[in-house]
Amino acid sequence: MATLHALVLDDNVENLEVLKELLTMNGLTCTTVNDPTKLIDMELSDIDLIFLDLEMPKMNGYETLDYLRKEKGVSTPVIAYTV
């Protein structure tokens, strides 16, 4: 069985590290991003699951999700959260 790969988007670096550690402990690999504007240059075809903070300063989670769906054509399942 192939390893699942998650994209974790959160402006809080501590949250990124905690979620990455939890996911890694459960067998997933992760790409972490603390600024959604960095998605512009990223290849996202290998992403199986997205964890998305809704409250980010430059692009909030709703804007980020809209960008991922409309501009990048991503249909990957998303788990949205805020802490």
PDB file of N, CA and C in Angstrom:
ATOM      1  N   MET A   1       0.848  -1.186   0.000  1.00  0.00           N
ATOM      2  CA  MET A   1       0.000   0.000   0.000  1.00  0.00           C
ATOM      3  C   MET A   1       0.889   1.244   0.000  1.00  0.00           C
ATOM      4  N   ALA A   2       0.557   2.183  -0.824  1.00  0.00           N
ATOM      5  CA  ALA A   2       1.334   3.419  -0.925  1.00  0.00           C
ATOM      6  C   ALA A   2       1.106   4.305   0.300  1.00  0.00           C
ATOM      7  N   THR A   3       2.129   5.049   0.651  1.00  0.00           N
ATOM      8  CA  THR A   3       2.036   5.980   1.764  1.00  0.00           C
ATOM      9  C   THR A   3       1.243   7.209   1.334  1.00  0.00           C
ATOM     10  N   LEU A   4       0.315   7.638   2.173  1.00  0.00           N
ATOM     11  CA  LEU A   4      -0.447   8.844   1.884  1.00  0.00           C
ATOM     12  C   LEU A   4       0.411  10.074   2.147  1.00  0.00           C
ATOM     13  N   HIS A   5       0.208  11.101   1.319  1.00  0.00           N
ATOM     14  CA  HIS A   5       0.964  12.348   1.453  1.00  0.00           C
ATOM     15  C   HIS A   5      -0.009  13.495   1.735  1.00  0.00           C
ATOM     16  N   ALA A   6       0.236  14.200   2.840  1.00  0.00           N
ATOM     17  CA  ALA A   6      -0.644  15.306   3.245  1.00  0.00           C
ATOM     18  C   ALA A   6       0.043  16.647   3.023  1.00  0.00           C
ATOM     19  N   LEU A   7      -0.748  17.627   2.641  1.00  0.00           N
ATOM     20  CA  LEU A   7      -0.328  19.021   2.586  1.00  0.00           C
ATOM     21  C   LEU A   7      -0.934  19.703   3.801  1.00  0.00           C
ATOM     22  N   VAL A   8      -0.087  20.337   4.619  1.00  0.00           N
ATOM     23  CA  VAL A   8      -0.561  21.016   5.823  1.00  0.00           C
ATOM     24  C   VAL A   8      -0.287  22.502   5.665  1.00  0.00           C
ATOM     25  N   LEU A   9      -1.350  23.308   5.707  1.00  0.00           N
ATOM     26  CA  LEU A   9      -1.250  24.757   5.547  1.00  0.00           C
ATOM     27  C   LEU A   9      -1.667  25.453   6.833  1.00  0.00           C
ATOM     28  N   ASP A  10      -0.726  26.166   7.439  1.00  0.00           N
ATOM     29  CA  ASP A  10      -1.006  26.883   8.676  1.00  0.00           C
ATOM     30  C   ASP A  10       0.050  27.967   8.837  1.00  0.00           C
ATOM     31  N   ASP A  11      -0.358  29.155   9.233  1.00  0.00           N
ATOM     32  CA  ASP A  11       0.604  30.242   9.414  1.00  0.00           C
ATOM     33  C   ASP A  11       1.394  30.110  10.713  1.00  0.00           C
ATOM     34  N   ASN A  12       0.943  29.257  11.623  1.00  0.00           N
ATOM     35  CA  ASN A  12       1.613  29.053  12.899  1.00  0.00           C
ATOM     36  C   ASN A  12       2.575  27.863  12.771  1.00  0.00           C
ATOM     37  N   VAL A  13       3.868  28.149  12.852  1.00  0.00           N
ATOM     38  CA  VAL A  13       4.889  27.119  12.658  1.00  0.00           C
ATOM     39  C   VAL A  13       4.782  26.016  13.714  1.00  0.00           C
ATOM     40  N   GLU A  14       4.428  26.367  14.927  1.00  0.00           N
ATOM     41  CA  GLU A  14       4.272  25.352  15.968  1.00  0.00           C
ATOM     42  C   GLU A  14       3.140  24.381  15.632  1.00  0.00           C
ATOM     43  N   ASN A  15       2.026  24.915  15.126  1.00  0.00           N
ATOM     44  CA  ASN A  15       0.911  24.053  14.704  1.00  0.00           C
ATOM     45  C   ASN A  15       1.349  23.127  13.567  1.00  0.00           C
ATOM     46  N   LEU A  16       2.129  23.653  12.644  1.00  0.00           N
ATOM     47  CA  LEU A  16       2.628  22.837  11.535  1.00  0.00           C
ATOM     48  C   LEU A  16       3.446  21.662  12.051  1.00  0.00           C
ATOM     49  N   GLU A  17       4.332  21.940  12.983  1.00  0.00           N
ATOM     50  CA  GLU A  17       5.206  20.902  13.514  1.00  0.00           C
ATOM     51  C   GLU A  17       4.419  19.837  14.284  1.00  0.00           C
ATOM     52  N   VAL A  18       3.451  20.259  15.087  1.00  0.00           N
ATOM     53  CA  VAL A  18       2.644  19.304  15.852  1.00  0.00           C
ATOM     54  C   VAL A  18       1.842  18.407  14.911  1.00  0.00           C
ATOM     55  N   LEU A  19       1.183  18.998  13.943  1.00  0.00           N
ATOM     56  CA  LEU A  19       0.373  18.203  13.016  1.00  0.00           C
ATOM     57  C   LEU A  19       1.254  17.289  12.174  1.00  0.00           C
ATOM     58  N   LYS A  20       2.398  17.791  11.734  1.00  0.00           N
ATOM     59  CA  LYS A  20       3.327  16.955  10.966  1.00  0.00           C
ATOM     60  C   LYS A  20       3.769  15.754  11.795  1.00  0.00           C
ATOM     61  N   GLU A  21       4.100  15.975  13.053  1.00  0.00           N
ATOM     62  CA  GLU A  21       4.533  14.889  13.927  1.00  0.00           C
ATOM     63  C   GLU A  21       3.424  13.849  14.100  1.00  0.00           C
ATOM     64  N   LEU A  22       2.189  14.304  14.339  1.00  0.00           N
ATOM     65  CA  LEU A  22       1.063  13.383  14.503  1.00  0.00           C
ATOM     66  C   LEU A  22       0.811  12.565  13.240  1.00  0.00           C
ATOM     67  N   LEU A  23       0.855  13.228  12.103  1.00  0.00           N
ATOM     68  CA  LEU A  23       0.613  12.530  10.838  1.00  0.00           C
ATOM     69  C   LEU A  23       1.733  11.536  10.539  1.00  0.00           C
ATOM     70  N   THR A  24       2.966  11.943  10.787  1.00  0.00           N
ATOM     71  CA  THR A  24       4.113  11.067  10.550  1.00  0.00           C
ATOM     72  C   THR A  24       4.045   9.836  11.448  1.00  0.00           C
ATOM     73  N   MET A  25       3.654  10.043  12.698  1.00  0.00           N
ATOM     74  CA  MET A  25       3.510   8.915  13.630  1.00  0.00           C
ATOM     75  C   MET A  25       2.470   7.914  13.142  1.00  0.00           C
ATOM     76  N   ASN A  26       1.541   8.381  12.312  1.00  0.00           N
ATOM     77  CA  ASN A  26       0.483   7.519  11.791  1.00  0.00           C
ATOM     78  C   ASN A  26       0.739   7.085  10.354  1.00  0.00           C
ATOM     79  N   GLY A  27       1.986   7.229   9.897  1.00  0.00           N
ATOM     80  CA  GLY A  27       2.378   6.662   8.613  1.00  0.00           C
ATOM     81  C   GLY A  27       2.220   7.546   7.387  1.00  0.00           C
ATOM     82  N   LEU A  28       1.870   8.804   7.553  1.00  0.00           N
ATOM     83  CA  LEU A  28       1.743   9.706   6.417  1.00  0.00           C
ATOM     84  C   LEU A  28       3.039  10.497   6.232  1.00  0.00           C
ATOM     85  N   THR A  29       3.293  10.927   5.016  1.00  0.00           N
ATOM     86  CA  THR A  29       4.347  11.891   4.765  1.00  0.00           C
ATOM     87  C   THR A  29       3.673  13.246   4.617  1.00  0.00           C
ATOM     88  N   CYS A  30       4.434  14.326   4.842  1.00  0.00           N
ATOM     89  CA  CYS A  30       3.820  15.659   4.856  1.00  0.00           C
ATOM     90  C   CYS A  30       4.668  16.692   4.133  1.00  0.00           C
ATOM     91  N   THR A  31       3.974  17.632   3.541  1.00  0.00           N
ATOM     92  CA  THR A  31       4.563  18.873   3.078  1.00  0.00           C
ATOM     93  C   THR A  31       3.893  19.965   3.882  1.00  0.00           C
ATOM     94  N   THR A  32       4.686  20.819   4.527  1.00  0.00           N
ATOM     95  CA  THR A  32       4.117  21.903   5.324  1.00  0.00           C
ATOM     96  C   THR A  32       4.351  23.236   4.637  1.00  0.00           C
ATOM     97  N   VAL A  33       3.351  24.100   4.731  1.00  0.00           N
ATOM     98  CA  VAL A  33       3.415  25.431   4.125  1.00  0.00           C
ATOM     99  C   VAL A  33       2.854  26.432   5.118  1.00  0.00           C
ATOM    100  N   ASN A  34       3.645  27.470   5.442  1.00  0.00           N
ATOM    101  CA  ASN A  34       3.171  28.470   6.403  1.00  0.00           C
ATOM    102  C   ASN A  34       2.675  29.750   5.745  1.00  0.00           C
ATOM    103  N   ASP A  35       2.712  29.807   4.426  1.00  0.00           N
ATOM    104  CA  ASP A  35       2.225  30.965   3.677  1.00  0.00           C
ATOM    105  C   ASP A  35       1.581  30.458   2.391  1.00  0.00           C
ATOM    106  N   PRO A  36       0.249  30.540   2.284  1.00  0.00           N
ATOM    107  CA  PRO A  36      -0.443  29.984   1.123  1.00  0.00           C
ATOM    108  C   PRO A  36      -0.016  30.589  -0.214  1.00  0.00           C
ATOM    109  N   THR A  37       0.581  31.772  -0.210  1.00  0.00           N
ATOM    110  CA  THR A  37       1.025  32.344  -1.487  1.00  0.00           C
ATOM    111  C   THR A  37       2.160  31.512  -2.089  1.00  0.00           C
ATOM    112  N   LYS A  38       2.804  30.669  -1.290  1.00  0.00           N
ATOM    113  CA  LYS A  38       3.855  29.783  -1.792  1.00  0.00           C
ATOM    114  C   LYS A  38       3.293  28.662  -2.660  1.00  0.00           C
ATOM    115  N   LEU A  39       1.980  28.457  -2.615  1.00  0.00           N
ATOM    116  CA  LEU A  39       1.348  27.402  -3.421  1.00  0.00           C
ATOM    117  C   LEU A  39       1.437  27.680  -4.913  1.00  0.00           C
ATOM    118  N   ILE A  40       1.627  28.930  -5.271  1.00  0.00           N
ATOM    119  CA  ILE A  40       1.660  29.322  -6.681  1.00  0.00           C
ATOM    120  C   ILE A  40       2.683  28.498  -7.458  1.00  0.00           C
ATOM    121  N   ASP A  41       3.849  28.266  -6.876  1.00  0.00           N
ATOM    122  CA  ASP A  41       4.926  27.562  -7.563  1.00  0.00           C
ATOM    123  C   ASP A  41       5.025  26.087  -7.214  1.00  0.00           C
ATOM    124  N   MET A  42       4.070  25.571  -6.457  1.00  0.00           N
ATOM    125  CA  MET A  42       4.151  24.175  -6.011  1.00  0.00           C
ATOM    126  C   MET A  42       3.400  23.232  -6.932  1.00  0.00           C
ATOM    127  N   GLU A  43       3.964  22.042  -7.096  1.00  0.00           N
ATOM    128  CA  GLU A  43       3.294  20.951  -7.783  1.00  0.00           C
ATOM    129  C   GLU A  43       2.499  20.182  -6.729  1.00  0.00           C
ATOM    130  N   LEU A  44       1.207  20.003  -6.967  1.00  0.00           N
ATOM    131  CA  LEU A  44       0.337  19.413  -5.949  1.00  0.00           C
ATOM    132  C   LEU A  44      -0.289  18.090  -6.381  1.00  0.00           C
ATOM    133  N   SER A  45       0.209  17.484  -7.427  1.00  0.00           N
ATOM    134  CA  SER A  45      -0.423  16.271  -7.947  1.00  0.00           C
ATOM    135  C   SER A  45      -0.249  15.053  -7.041  1.00  0.00           C
ATOM    136  N   ASP A  46       0.739  15.075  -6.142  1.00  0.00           N
ATOM    137  CA  ASP A  46       0.971  13.915  -5.280  1.00  0.00           C
ATOM    138  C   ASP A  46       0.311  14.042  -3.904  1.00  0.00           C
ATOM    139  N   ILE A  47      -0.545  15.033  -3.721  1.00  0.00           N
ATOM    140  CA  ILE A  47      -1.197  15.283  -2.434  1.00  0.00           C
ATOM    141  C   ILE A  47      -2.469  14.438  -2.321  1.00  0.00           C
ATOM    142  N   ASP A  48      -2.588  13.694  -1.221  1.00  0.00           N
ATOM    143  CA  ASP A  48      -3.762  12.842  -0.993  1.00  0.00           C
ATOM    144  C   ASP A  48      -4.769  13.462  -0.033  1.00  0.00           C
ATOM    145  N   LEU A  49      -4.306  14.401   0.796  1.00  0.00           N
ATOM    146  CA  LEU A  49      -5.145  14.983   1.835  1.00  0.00           C
ATOM    147  C   LEU A  49      -4.586  16.352   2.200  1.00  0.00           C
ATOM    148  N   ILE A  50      -5.483  17.309   2.453  1.00  0.00           N
ATOM    149  CA  ILE A  50      -5.049  18.665   2.809  1.00  0.00           C
ATOM    150  C   ILE A  50      -5.622  19.039   4.168  1.00  0.00           C
ATOM    151  N   PHE A  51      -4.755  19.527   5.050  1.00  0.00           N
ATOM    152  CA  PHE A  51      -5.164  20.108   6.327  1.00  0.00           C
ATOM    153  C   PHE A  51      -5.009  21.611   6.175  1.00  0.00           C
ATOM    154  N   LEU A  52      -6.088  22.351   6.404  1.00  0.00           N
ATOM    155  CA  LEU A  52      -6.116  23.775   6.070  1.00  0.00           C
ATOM    156  C   LEU A  52      -6.611  24.621   7.237  1.00  0.00           C
ATOM    157  N   ASP A  53      -5.722  25.490   7.731  1.00  0.00           N
ATOM    158  CA  ASP A  53      -6.093  26.461   8.760  1.00  0.00           C
ATOM    159  C   ASP A  53      -6.983  27.523   8.103  1.00  0.00           C
ATOM    160  N   LEU A  54      -8.110  27.820   8.707  1.00  0.00           N
ATOM    161  CA  LEU A  54      -9.031  28.801   8.128  1.00  0.00           C
ATOM    162  C   LEU A  54      -8.640  30.242   8.428  1.00  0.00           C
ATOM    163  N   GLU A  55      -7.864  30.463   9.474  1.00  0.00           N
ATOM    164  CA  GLU A  55      -7.525  31.827   9.893  1.00  0.00           C
ATOM    165  C   GLU A  55      -6.047  32.116   9.681  1.00  0.00           C
ATOM    166  N   MET A  56      -5.715  32.481   8.452  1.00  0.00           N
ATOM    167  CA  MET A  56      -4.343  32.869   8.113  1.00  0.00           C
ATOM    168  C   MET A  56      -4.379  34.311   7.618  1.00  0.00           C
ATOM    169  N   PRO A  57      -3.306  35.072   7.819  1.00  0.00           N
ATOM    170  CA  PRO A  57      -3.340  36.506   7.538  1.00  0.00           C
ATOM    171  C   PRO A  57      -3.304  36.914   6.061  1.00  0.00           C
ATOM    172  N   LYS A  58      -2.436  36.329   5.242  1.00  0.00           N
ATOM    173  CA  LYS A  58      -2.295  36.796   3.854  1.00  0.00           C
ATOM    174  C   LYS A  58      -3.445  36.310   2.979  1.00  0.00           C
ATOM    175  N   MET A  59      -3.706  35.023   3.049  1.00  0.00           N
ATOM    176  CA  MET A  59      -4.840  34.393   2.366  1.00  0.00           C
ATOM    177  C   MET A  59      -5.499  33.514   3.411  1.00  0.00           C
ATOM    178  N   ASN A  60      -6.763  33.779   3.737  1.00  0.00           N
ATOM    179  CA  ASN A  60      -7.402  32.919   4.727  1.00  0.00           C
ATOM    180  C   ASN A  60      -7.714  31.557   4.099  1.00  0.00           C
ATOM    181  N   GLY A  61      -8.175  30.644   4.914  1.00  0.00           N
ATOM    182  CA  GLY A  61      -8.435  29.299   4.439  1.00  0.00           C
ATOM    183  C   GLY A  61      -9.477  29.212   3.342  1.00  0.00           C
ATOM    184  N   TYR A  62     -10.487  30.056   3.399  1.00  0.00           N
ATOM    185  CA  TYR A  62     -11.526  30.046   2.372  1.00  0.00           C
ATOM    186  C   TYR A  62     -10.961  30.501   1.037  1.00  0.00           C
ATOM    187  N   GLU A  63     -10.146  31.547   1.057  1.00  0.00           N
ATOM    188  CA  GLU A  63      -9.496  32.038  -0.163  1.00  0.00           C
ATOM    189  C   GLU A  63      -8.505  31.004  -0.698  1.00  0.00           C
ATOM    190  N   THR A  64      -7.791  30.364   0.214  1.00  0.00           N
ATOM    191  CA  THR A  64      -6.828  29.341  -0.185  1.00  0.00           C
ATOM    192  C   THR A  64      -7.532  28.158  -0.831  1.00  0.00           C
ATOM    193  N   LEU A  65      -8.616  27.704  -0.234  1.00  0.00           N
ATOM    194  CA  LEU A  65      -9.368  26.592  -0.804  1.00  0.00           C
ATOM    195  C   LEU A  65      -9.923  26.961  -2.173  1.00  0.00           C
ATOM    196  N   ASP A  66     -10.449  28.154  -2.318  1.00  0.00           N
ATOM    197  CA  ASP A  66     -10.954  28.616  -3.602  1.00  0.00           C
ATOM    198  C   ASP A  66      -9.834  28.609  -4.646  1.00  0.00           C
ATOM    199  N   TYR A  67      -8.656  29.092  -4.272  1.00  0.00           N
ATOM    200  CA  TYR A  67      -7.507  29.102  -5.173  1.00  0.00           C
ATOM    201  C   TYR A  67      -7.110  27.668  -5.569  1.00  0.00           C
ATOM    202  N   LEU A  68      -7.035  26.782  -4.577  1.00  0.00           N
ATOM    203  CA  LEU A  68      -6.658  25.400  -4.865  1.00  0.00           C
ATOM    204  C   LEU A  68      -7.632  24.739  -5.834  1.00  0.00           C
ATOM    205  N   ARG A  69      -8.916  24.965  -5.634  1.00  0.00           N
ATOM    206  CA  ARG A  69      -9.933  24.336  -6.477  1.00  0.00           C
ATOM    207  C   ARG A  69      -9.984  24.952  -7.883  1.00  0.00           C
ATOM    208  N   LYS A  70     -10.017  26.274  -7.955  1.00  0.00           N
ATOM    209  CA  LYS A  70     -10.228  26.956  -9.243  1.00  0.00           C
ATOM    210  C   LYS A  70      -8.958  27.151 -10.053  1.00  0.00           C
ATOM    211  N   GLU A  71      -7.870  27.531  -9.404  1.00  0.00           N
ATOM    212  CA  GLU A  71      -6.643  27.860 -10.140  1.00  0.00           C
ATOM    213  C   GLU A  71      -5.704  26.664 -10.302  1.00  0.00           C
ATOM    214  N   LYS A  72      -5.643  25.801  -9.300  1.00  0.00           N
ATOM    215  CA  LYS A  72      -4.734  24.659  -9.342  1.00  0.00           C
ATOM    216  C   LYS A  72      -5.448  23.361  -9.733  1.00  0.00           C
ATOM    217  N   GLY A  73      -6.788  23.377  -9.771  1.00  0.00           N
ATOM    218  CA  GLY A  73      -7.550  22.197 -10.155  1.00  0.00           C
ATOM    219  C   GLY A  73      -7.470  21.046  -9.159  1.00  0.00           C
ATOM    220  N   VAL A  74      -7.250  21.369  -7.902  1.00  0.00           N
ATOM    221  CA  VAL A  74      -7.108  20.352  -6.861  1.00  0.00           C
ATOM    222  C   VAL A  74      -8.486  19.908  -6.381  1.00  0.00           C
ATOM    223  N   SER A  75      -8.718  18.600  -6.379  1.00  0.00           N
ATOM    224  CA  SER A  75      -9.987  18.057  -5.889  1.00  0.00           C
ATOM    225  C   SER A  75      -9.763  17.166  -4.658  1.00  0.00           C
ATOM    226  N   THR A  76      -8.590  17.250  -4.106  1.00  0.00           N
ATOM    227  CA  THR A  76      -8.187  16.485  -2.928  1.00  0.00           C
ATOM    228  C   THR A  76      -9.080  16.807  -1.731  1.00  0.00           C
ATOM    229  N   PRO A  77      -9.420  15.808  -0.913  1.00  0.00           N
ATOM    230  CA  PRO A  77     -10.206  16.093   0.303  1.00  0.00           C
ATOM    231  C   PRO A  77      -9.466  17.056   1.227  1.00  0.00           C
ATOM    232  N   VAL A  78     -10.246  17.933   1.881  1.00  0.00           N
ATOM    233  CA  VAL A  78      -9.690  18.951   2.758  1.00  0.00           C
ATOM    234  C   VAL A  78     -10.289  18.815   4.153  1.00  0.00           C
ATOM    235  N   ILE A  79      -9.425  18.881   5.150  1.00  0.00           N
ATOM    236  CA  ILE A  79      -9.856  18.974   6.533  1.00  0.00           C
ATOM    237  C   ILE A  79      -9.530  20.397   6.970  1.00  0.00           C
ATOM    238  N   ALA A  80     -10.568  21.194   7.182  1.00  0.00           N
ATOM    239  CA  ALA A  80     -10.385  22.596   7.578  1.00  0.00           C
ATOM    240  C   ALA A  80     -10.472  22.690   9.097  1.00  0.00           C
ATOM    241  N   TYR A  81      -9.631  23.555   9.655  1.00  0.00           N
ATOM    242  CA  TYR A  81      -9.602  23.730  11.115  1.00  0.00           C
ATOM    243  C   TYR A  81      -9.151  25.128  11.466  1.00  0.00           C
ATOM    244  N   THR A  82      -9.319  25.484  12.714  1.00  0.00           N
ATOM    245  CA  THR A  82      -8.724  26.699  13.263  1.00  0.00           C
ATOM    246  C   THR A  82      -8.437  26.429  14.730  1.00  0.00           C
ATOM    247  N   VAL A  83      -7.377  27.025  15.225  1.00  0.00           N
ATOM    248  CA  VAL A  83      -6.966  26.782  16.610  1.00  0.00           C
ATOM    249  C   VAL A  83      -6.988  28.095  17.352  1.00  0.00           C
TER     250      VAL A  83
END
